[in-house]
């Protein structure tokens, strides 16, 4: 949960690097919260058939949109790639697979053009 809060503290920070642990724990907690809010929306009848999403889960998704993009950009920076690589996800199927591989890769050891190694700062 600490990693989730750390990402929210860096709400719109697109500079620097993010460890795999920071990124994937954020994704995990984000998914769990979205599922929980979706269930609450379903039970309380807050789901809109036209929009295909519930009120609470929709508001939550809007609230974490910018932190999600920011941590993804920082994660790409950790692998020494530009944040613009996020746009490859717009290519159907292949783009999502390529982006997933980039996000799973280990960091570039030492400093790179985006900053110092976040693993070295913690260890």
N, C-alpha and C. Protein backbone atom coordinates (compact mmCIF):
# COMPACT_ATOMS: atom_id res chain seq x y z
N UNK A 1 0.82 -1.20 0.00
CA UNK A 1 0.00 0.00 0.00
C UNK A 1 0.87 1.26 0.00
N UNK A 2 2.09 1.15 0.54
CA UNK A 2 3.00 2.29 0.58
C UNK A 2 3.31 2.77 -0.84
N UNK A 3 3.50 1.84 -1.76
CA UNK A 3 3.85 2.21 -3.13
C UNK A 3 2.69 2.92 -3.81
N UNK A 4 1.47 2.51 -3.49
CA UNK A 4 0.29 3.16 -4.06
C UNK A 4 0.22 4.62 -3.61
N UNK A 5 0.45 4.85 -2.33
CA UNK A 5 0.41 6.20 -1.79
C UNK A 5 1.55 7.04 -2.36
N UNK A 6 2.72 6.43 -2.54
CA UNK A 6 3.85 7.16 -3.13
C UNK A 6 3.51 7.68 -4.52
N UNK A 7 2.84 6.87 -5.31
CA UNK A 7 2.44 7.30 -6.65
C UNK A 7 1.46 8.46 -6.56
N UNK A 8 0.51 8.38 -5.65
CA UNK A 8 -0.46 9.47 -5.49
C UNK A 8 0.20 10.75 -4.99
N UNK A 9 1.26 10.62 -4.18
CA UNK A 9 1.99 11.81 -3.72
C UNK A 9 2.67 12.51 -4.90
N UNK A 10 3.09 11.72 -5.88
CA UNK A 10 3.72 12.28 -7.08
C UNK A 10 2.66 12.40 -8.17
N UNK A 11 1.54 13.03 -7.85
CA UNK A 11 0.33 13.05 -8.68
C UNK A 11 0.61 13.32 -10.16
N UNK A 12 1.34 14.37 -10.47
CA UNK A 12 1.58 14.73 -11.87
C UNK A 12 3.07 14.91 -12.14
N UNK A 13 3.89 14.06 -11.52
CA UNK A 13 5.34 14.13 -11.72
C UNK A 13 5.70 13.18 -12.86
N UNK A 14 6.11 13.77 -13.98
CA UNK A 14 6.45 12.98 -15.15
C UNK A 14 7.96 12.85 -15.32
N UNK A 15 8.72 13.49 -14.45
CA UNK A 15 10.18 13.42 -14.52
C UNK A 15 10.68 12.39 -13.53
N UNK A 16 11.83 11.82 -13.82
CA UNK A 16 12.42 10.86 -12.91
C UNK A 16 12.13 9.43 -13.34
N UNK A 17 12.37 8.53 -12.42
CA UNK A 17 12.24 7.10 -12.71
C UNK A 17 11.39 6.42 -11.64
N UNK A 18 10.73 5.33 -12.03
CA UNK A 18 9.92 4.55 -11.09
C UNK A 18 10.33 3.08 -11.19
N UNK A 19 10.56 2.47 -10.05
CA UNK A 19 10.92 1.06 -10.00
C UNK A 19 9.75 0.19 -10.47
N UNK A 20 10.07 -1.04 -10.84
CA UNK A 20 9.01 -1.99 -11.20
C UNK A 20 8.05 -2.18 -10.03
N UNK A 21 8.61 -2.28 -8.83
CA UNK A 21 7.78 -2.50 -7.65
C UNK A 21 6.76 -1.36 -7.48
N UNK A 22 7.22 -0.13 -7.64
CA UNK A 22 6.32 1.02 -7.52
C UNK A 22 5.21 0.94 -8.54
N UNK A 23 5.55 0.66 -9.79
CA UNK A 23 4.56 0.61 -10.86
C UNK A 23 3.56 -0.53 -10.66
N UNK A 24 4.06 -1.73 -10.44
CA UNK A 24 3.17 -2.89 -10.39
C UNK A 24 2.32 -2.94 -9.13
N UNK A 25 2.83 -2.44 -8.00
CA UNK A 25 1.98 -2.34 -6.81
C UNK A 25 0.88 -1.31 -7.02
N UNK A 26 1.19 -0.22 -7.72
CA UNK A 26 0.15 0.75 -8.03
C UNK A 26 -0.92 0.11 -8.92
N UNK A 27 -0.50 -0.64 -9.92
CA UNK A 27 -1.45 -1.32 -10.81
C UNK A 27 -2.31 -2.30 -10.02
N UNK A 28 -1.68 -3.07 -9.12
CA UNK A 28 -2.42 -4.04 -8.31
C UNK A 28 -3.49 -3.37 -7.46
N UNK A 29 -3.10 -2.37 -6.67
CA UNK A 29 -4.07 -1.71 -5.79
C UNK A 29 -5.12 -0.94 -6.58
N UNK A 30 -4.71 -0.36 -7.69
CA UNK A 30 -5.65 0.34 -8.55
C UNK A 30 -6.73 -0.62 -9.07
N UNK A 31 -6.31 -1.80 -9.48
CA UNK A 31 -7.24 -2.81 -9.98
C UNK A 31 -8.18 -3.29 -8.87
N UNK A 32 -7.63 -3.56 -7.69
CA UNK A 32 -8.46 -4.01 -6.58
C UNK A 32 -9.50 -2.96 -6.17
N UNK A 33 -9.08 -1.70 -6.12
CA UNK A 33 -10.00 -0.63 -5.76
C UNK A 33 -11.09 -0.47 -6.83
N UNK A 34 -10.70 -0.57 -8.10
CA UNK A 34 -11.68 -0.46 -9.18
C UNK A 34 -12.71 -1.58 -9.12
N UNK A 35 -12.25 -2.80 -8.85
CA UNK A 35 -13.17 -3.94 -8.73
C UNK A 35 -14.12 -3.72 -7.55
N UNK A 36 -13.57 -3.29 -6.42
CA UNK A 36 -14.40 -3.04 -5.24
C UNK A 36 -15.45 -1.97 -5.48
N UNK A 37 -15.04 -0.88 -6.10
CA UNK A 37 -16.00 0.18 -6.40
C UNK A 37 -17.03 -0.26 -7.44
N UNK A 38 -16.61 -1.10 -8.37
CA UNK A 38 -17.55 -1.64 -9.35
C UNK A 38 -18.62 -2.51 -8.70
N UNK A 39 -18.19 -3.28 -7.70
CA UNK A 39 -19.16 -4.11 -6.98
C UNK A 39 -20.12 -3.24 -6.17
N UNK A 40 -19.60 -2.19 -5.54
CA UNK A 40 -20.46 -1.28 -4.80
C UNK A 40 -21.45 -0.59 -5.75
N UNK A 41 -20.95 -0.18 -6.92
CA UNK A 41 -21.83 0.43 -7.92
C UNK A 41 -22.94 -0.53 -8.33
N UNK A 42 -22.59 -1.80 -8.53
CA UNK A 42 -23.58 -2.79 -8.94
C UNK A 42 -24.63 -3.04 -7.88
N UNK A 43 -24.21 -3.13 -6.63
CA UNK A 43 -25.13 -3.41 -5.53
C UNK A 43 -26.06 -2.22 -5.28
N UNK A 44 -25.53 -1.01 -5.37
CA UNK A 44 -26.34 0.18 -5.09
C UNK A 44 -27.10 0.69 -6.31
N UNK A 45 -26.87 0.10 -7.46
CA UNK A 45 -27.60 0.51 -8.67
C UNK A 45 -27.07 1.79 -9.30
N UNK A 46 -25.81 2.08 -9.08
CA UNK A 46 -25.21 3.30 -9.63
C UNK A 46 -24.57 3.08 -11.00
N UNK A 47 -24.81 1.92 -11.60
CA UNK A 47 -24.23 1.61 -12.90
C UNK A 47 -25.12 2.19 -14.00
N UNK A 48 -24.50 2.87 -14.94
CA UNK A 48 -25.21 3.44 -16.07
C UNK A 48 -25.08 2.49 -17.25
N UNK A 49 -26.19 2.02 -17.78
CA UNK A 49 -26.16 1.10 -18.92
C UNK A 49 -25.62 1.80 -20.17
N UNK A 50 -25.93 3.08 -20.32
CA UNK A 50 -25.46 3.83 -21.49
C UNK A 50 -23.95 4.03 -21.45
N UNK A 51 -23.42 4.39 -20.28
CA UNK A 51 -21.99 4.66 -20.15
C UNK A 51 -21.20 3.36 -19.97
N UNK A 52 -21.82 2.35 -19.43
CA UNK A 52 -21.15 1.08 -19.20
C UNK A 52 -20.21 1.10 -18.00
N UNK A 53 -20.39 2.07 -17.11
CA UNK A 53 -19.55 2.18 -15.93
C UNK A 53 -20.38 2.76 -14.80
N UNK A 54 -19.99 2.46 -13.58
CA UNK A 54 -20.70 2.99 -12.43
C UNK A 54 -20.20 4.36 -12.04
N UNK A 55 -20.97 5.02 -11.22
CA UNK A 55 -20.64 6.38 -10.78
C UNK A 55 -19.34 6.41 -9.98
N UNK A 56 -19.24 5.57 -8.94
CA UNK A 56 -18.06 5.58 -8.09
C UNK A 56 -16.80 5.15 -8.84
N UNK A 57 -16.90 4.07 -9.61
CA UNK A 57 -15.73 3.61 -10.35
C UNK A 57 -15.34 4.60 -11.44
N UNK A 58 -16.29 5.28 -12.01
CA UNK A 58 -16.00 6.30 -13.02
C UNK A 58 -15.28 7.50 -12.42
N UNK A 59 -15.74 7.95 -11.27
CA UNK A 59 -15.07 9.06 -10.59
C UNK A 59 -13.66 8.68 -10.16
N UNK A 60 -13.51 7.45 -9.66
CA UNK A 60 -12.18 6.98 -9.25
C UNK A 60 -11.24 6.91 -10.46
N UNK A 61 -11.74 6.40 -11.57
CA UNK A 61 -10.92 6.30 -12.77
C UNK A 61 -10.43 7.67 -13.22
N UNK A 62 -11.31 8.65 -13.18
CA UNK A 62 -10.91 10.02 -13.53
C UNK A 62 -9.88 10.57 -12.54
N UNK A 63 -10.02 10.23 -11.27
CA UNK A 63 -9.12 10.75 -10.24
C UNK A 63 -7.70 10.19 -10.39
N UNK A 64 -7.58 8.94 -10.83
CA UNK A 64 -6.24 8.33 -10.92
C UNK A 64 -5.71 8.28 -12.35
N UNK A 65 -6.37 8.93 -13.28
CA UNK A 65 -5.90 8.92 -14.67
C UNK A 65 -4.52 9.55 -14.80
N UNK A 66 -4.34 10.75 -14.28
CA UNK A 66 -3.05 11.43 -14.40
C UNK A 66 -1.95 10.70 -13.62
N UNK A 67 -2.18 10.25 -12.38
CA UNK A 67 -1.12 9.50 -11.71
C UNK A 67 -0.76 8.20 -12.44
N UNK A 68 -1.74 7.57 -13.08
CA UNK A 68 -1.46 6.34 -13.83
C UNK A 68 -0.55 6.62 -15.02
N UNK A 69 -0.83 7.69 -15.74
CA UNK A 69 0.01 8.05 -16.87
C UNK A 69 1.39 8.46 -16.37
N UNK A 70 1.45 9.23 -15.28
CA UNK A 70 2.73 9.70 -14.76
C UNK A 70 3.62 8.54 -14.31
N UNK A 71 3.08 7.58 -13.59
CA UNK A 71 3.90 6.46 -13.13
C UNK A 71 4.32 5.58 -14.32
N UNK A 72 3.50 5.49 -15.34
CA UNK A 72 3.88 4.74 -16.54
C UNK A 72 5.03 5.42 -17.27
N UNK A 73 4.98 6.74 -17.35
CA UNK A 73 6.07 7.48 -17.99
C UNK A 73 7.36 7.31 -17.18
N UNK A 74 7.26 7.42 -15.86
CA UNK A 74 8.46 7.23 -15.02
C UNK A 74 9.00 5.82 -15.13
N UNK A 75 8.10 4.84 -15.27
CA UNK A 75 8.55 3.45 -15.43
C UNK A 75 9.30 3.28 -16.75
N UNK A 76 8.80 3.89 -17.81
CA UNK A 76 9.50 3.84 -19.10
C UNK A 76 10.85 4.56 -18.99
N UNK A 77 10.91 5.65 -18.26
CA UNK A 77 12.17 6.33 -18.04
C UNK A 77 13.18 5.42 -17.35
N UNK A 78 12.70 4.57 -16.44
CA UNK A 78 13.58 3.66 -15.71
C UNK A 78 14.24 2.65 -16.65
N UNK A 79 13.58 2.34 -17.76
CA UNK A 79 14.15 1.43 -18.76
C UNK A 79 14.86 2.21 -19.87
N UNK A 80 15.09 3.51 -19.64
CA UNK A 80 15.78 4.41 -20.57
C UNK A 80 15.01 4.61 -21.87
N UNK A 81 13.69 4.71 -21.75
CA UNK A 81 12.83 4.99 -22.90
C UNK A 81 12.04 6.26 -22.62
N UNK A 82 11.70 6.95 -23.67
CA UNK A 82 10.90 8.15 -23.55
C UNK A 82 9.47 7.79 -23.15
N UNK A 83 8.82 8.71 -22.47
CA UNK A 83 7.42 8.51 -22.10
C UNK A 83 6.49 8.44 -23.29
N UNK A 84 6.95 8.95 -24.43
CA UNK A 84 6.14 8.90 -25.65
C UNK A 84 5.89 7.46 -26.10
N UNK A 85 6.65 6.51 -25.59
CA UNK A 85 6.41 5.11 -25.93
C UNK A 85 5.04 4.64 -25.45
N UNK A 86 4.42 5.37 -24.55
CA UNK A 86 3.05 5.01 -24.12
C UNK A 86 2.08 5.01 -25.30
N UNK A 87 2.36 5.84 -26.29
CA UNK A 87 1.47 5.93 -27.44
C UNK A 87 1.46 4.67 -28.29
N UNK A 88 2.46 3.80 -28.10
CA UNK A 88 2.47 2.54 -28.86
C UNK A 88 1.28 1.67 -28.49
N UNK A 89 0.70 1.91 -27.33
CA UNK A 89 -0.47 1.13 -26.92
C UNK A 89 -1.68 1.41 -27.81
N UNK A 90 -1.62 2.47 -28.61
CA UNK A 90 -2.71 2.77 -29.55
C UNK A 90 -2.72 1.83 -30.75
N UNK A 91 -1.60 1.14 -30.98
CA UNK A 91 -1.54 0.15 -32.05
C UNK A 91 -2.24 -1.11 -31.54
N UNK A 92 -3.27 -1.57 -32.22
CA UNK A 92 -4.03 -2.72 -31.72
C UNK A 92 -3.16 -3.95 -31.49
N UNK A 93 -3.35 -4.60 -30.36
CA UNK A 93 -2.73 -5.84 -29.91
C UNK A 93 -1.22 -5.76 -29.79
N UNK A 94 -0.52 -5.52 -30.88
CA UNK A 94 0.94 -5.51 -30.87
C UNK A 94 1.46 -4.40 -29.95
N UNK A 95 0.84 -3.24 -30.01
CA UNK A 95 1.28 -2.12 -29.19
C UNK A 95 1.18 -2.42 -27.70
N UNK A 96 0.10 -3.03 -27.28
CA UNK A 96 -0.08 -3.37 -25.87
C UNK A 96 0.95 -4.40 -25.42
N UNK A 97 1.26 -5.35 -26.27
CA UNK A 97 2.26 -6.37 -25.93
C UNK A 97 3.64 -5.74 -25.80
N UNK A 98 4.00 -4.88 -26.74
CA UNK A 98 5.31 -4.21 -26.69
C UNK A 98 5.41 -3.36 -25.44
N UNK A 99 4.37 -2.61 -25.13
CA UNK A 99 4.38 -1.77 -23.94
C UNK A 99 4.49 -2.62 -22.68
N UNK A 100 3.78 -3.74 -22.62
CA UNK A 100 3.87 -4.63 -21.47
C UNK A 100 5.30 -5.13 -21.29
N UNK A 101 5.96 -5.50 -22.38
CA UNK A 101 7.35 -5.96 -22.29
C UNK A 101 8.24 -4.85 -21.74
N UNK A 102 8.06 -3.62 -22.21
CA UNK A 102 8.84 -2.50 -21.72
C UNK A 102 8.62 -2.28 -20.22
N UNK A 103 7.38 -2.41 -19.76
CA UNK A 103 7.06 -2.16 -18.37
C UNK A 103 7.56 -3.27 -17.45
N UNK A 104 7.75 -4.46 -17.99
CA UNK A 104 8.22 -5.60 -17.20
C UNK A 104 9.75 -5.65 -17.13
N UNK A 105 10.43 -5.06 -18.10
CA UNK A 105 11.88 -5.11 -18.14
C UNK A 105 12.51 -4.51 -16.89
N UNK A 106 13.68 -5.01 -16.54
CA UNK A 106 14.43 -4.48 -15.41
C UNK A 106 14.94 -3.08 -15.76
N UNK A 107 15.29 -2.35 -14.73
CA UNK A 107 15.74 -0.97 -14.96
C UNK A 107 17.14 -0.94 -15.57
N UNK A 108 17.50 0.22 -16.08
CA UNK A 108 18.85 0.42 -16.56
C UNK A 108 19.72 0.72 -15.35
N UNK A 109 20.76 -0.08 -15.12
CA UNK A 109 21.60 0.18 -13.94
C UNK A 109 22.31 1.53 -14.05
N UNK A 110 22.54 2.13 -12.91
CA UNK A 110 23.23 3.41 -12.88
C UNK A 110 22.31 4.55 -13.32
N UNK A 111 22.93 5.69 -13.57
CA UNK A 111 22.17 6.86 -14.01
C UNK A 111 21.87 6.77 -15.49
N UNK A 112 20.77 7.36 -15.89
CA UNK A 112 20.49 7.56 -17.30
C UNK A 112 20.03 9.00 -17.48
N UNK A 113 19.60 9.33 -18.67
CA UNK A 113 19.22 10.73 -18.94
C UNK A 113 18.02 11.20 -18.14
N UNK A 114 17.31 10.28 -17.50
CA UNK A 114 16.10 10.64 -16.74
C UNK A 114 16.33 10.73 -15.24
N UNK A 115 17.53 10.41 -14.80
CA UNK A 115 17.83 10.53 -13.37
C UNK A 115 18.63 9.36 -12.84
N UNK A 116 18.79 9.36 -11.53
CA UNK A 116 19.57 8.30 -10.89
C UNK A 116 18.71 7.05 -10.71
N UNK A 117 19.39 5.95 -10.48
CA UNK A 117 18.75 4.65 -10.31
C UNK A 117 17.94 4.64 -9.01
N UNK A 118 16.63 4.43 -9.08
CA UNK A 118 15.83 4.42 -7.84
C UNK A 118 16.15 3.23 -6.94
N UNK A 119 16.65 2.13 -7.49
CA UNK A 119 17.03 0.99 -6.66
C UNK A 119 18.24 1.34 -5.80
N UNK A 120 19.17 2.08 -6.37
CA UNK A 120 20.38 2.46 -5.62
C UNK A 120 20.04 3.40 -4.48
N UNK A 121 19.03 4.24 -4.63
CA UNK A 121 18.65 5.18 -3.59
C UNK A 121 18.04 4.47 -2.39
N UNK A 122 17.36 3.36 -2.63
CA UNK A 122 16.68 2.65 -1.54
C UNK A 122 17.61 1.64 -0.86
N UNK A 123 18.45 1.00 -1.67
CA UNK A 123 19.33 -0.06 -1.14
C UNK A 123 20.42 0.47 -0.26
